[in-house]
């Protein structure tokens, strides 16, 4: 099989956050057609135990250590070099040498880059593969621009600077690579509007969900008192948009919900809770779990999954996973962007605080089962990974394999 250099900013395992879930599924998919040479960083000591699991999917793998505390300090050199801080954060000389060695020795047929932060490792290298793809996933520069609009003091300047420099990098990537891809068509359309000179090379390739893993037919023992209405949010809890979402729900929505639904609980489930998230545990009815071995027991017994995102880019895995588990999911318009689901039938759309509170209270009174069943059907029929990743087959010149339609029994659960 031809060789492929695959770069991602963090080892794509375990699949517990968006920046690991999508790269892992793409890696597994492309590994059917290429001998993969994987280069990545490991910033969580617990992830070293998973190297052999990922190695089994590749011909060659190089994992470089990244100390987050050191990286936060050293990345500030970008202020002197004129580079984006998020790029210098992920810079590692050891990994860079390995990548250049693969390009020089192996001369891979294709290069696949997950996230713009990894692109500088190969931009400027004289070797040109047959095809190069950068899966930018989101228009990150827009995220930083939104941060700048909300920030005050010196951080407003820092975020605005990051937005400008990340945009310059994104545009450079789009010009240099054969194709740039995004996690949804709306995100791709946004980028085409910002970079019309690259529009013909920009594509939206949606993420899917492992509906066999997130299956409501699997029995999960309760992890909380199911007699109390419980709302569940899942995600990486040091990610600023997630922090903003749970703070908004816990401080502004939950008290109003509890006045109408006594005993209502809010579970914030995810790794690395930021200080602002940890403080929420002091509030009545709020539980901050930190990293858990399996999010499914929380989702399976939730009154509803909630995604009160005010800042969001791309596709929200938390929404797809809640739908796959057959749970009614309440989401803001930002959280639903790029997800083809019918509001009121397959998902609950709540555009503001009052609508969100009303939806939570209504579901506590019952009536969520039909939405959950319809949501599960939507996922099994339209959000399989094999179906969604066919877009990469076309870009790489791979003949897409025939895919059997999901069993009707699975779709009706």
Foldseek 3Di string as FASTA:
>chain_A
DFEEEEEAAADLPDVQADSNVVSVLLLQVCLVPHQYEYEYEHADVVCVVCPVVVVVSHPHYDYHYADQVVLVVVLCCCVVVVAASLLSSSDDVVSLVVVVVCCVPRVTQEYEYEALSPVVSPPPDPRDHVFYEYANAWLVLVLLQVVLVPDDDPSVVSSPSNSVNSLVSVLVCLVPGQAYEYQFPVRQVVVCVVRVVSNVRYYYQHAFDPLVVLALVDDDDAPDPLVAAEEEEGHAAVPVQNLVQVCCCLVPQPVVLCVLRPRYAYEYEEADHDPSLVVSCVDPRYHYDHYDPDCNNVLSSHLEYEAAGPRATHADVSVLSSLSNLGAYEYEPRNCPRPPDDDPQQYPYAHDSVSRNVVSNVSVVPDGNRNSLQSNLCRLQPRDRLVSCVVVCVSSVHDRDDDDRDDVVRSRD
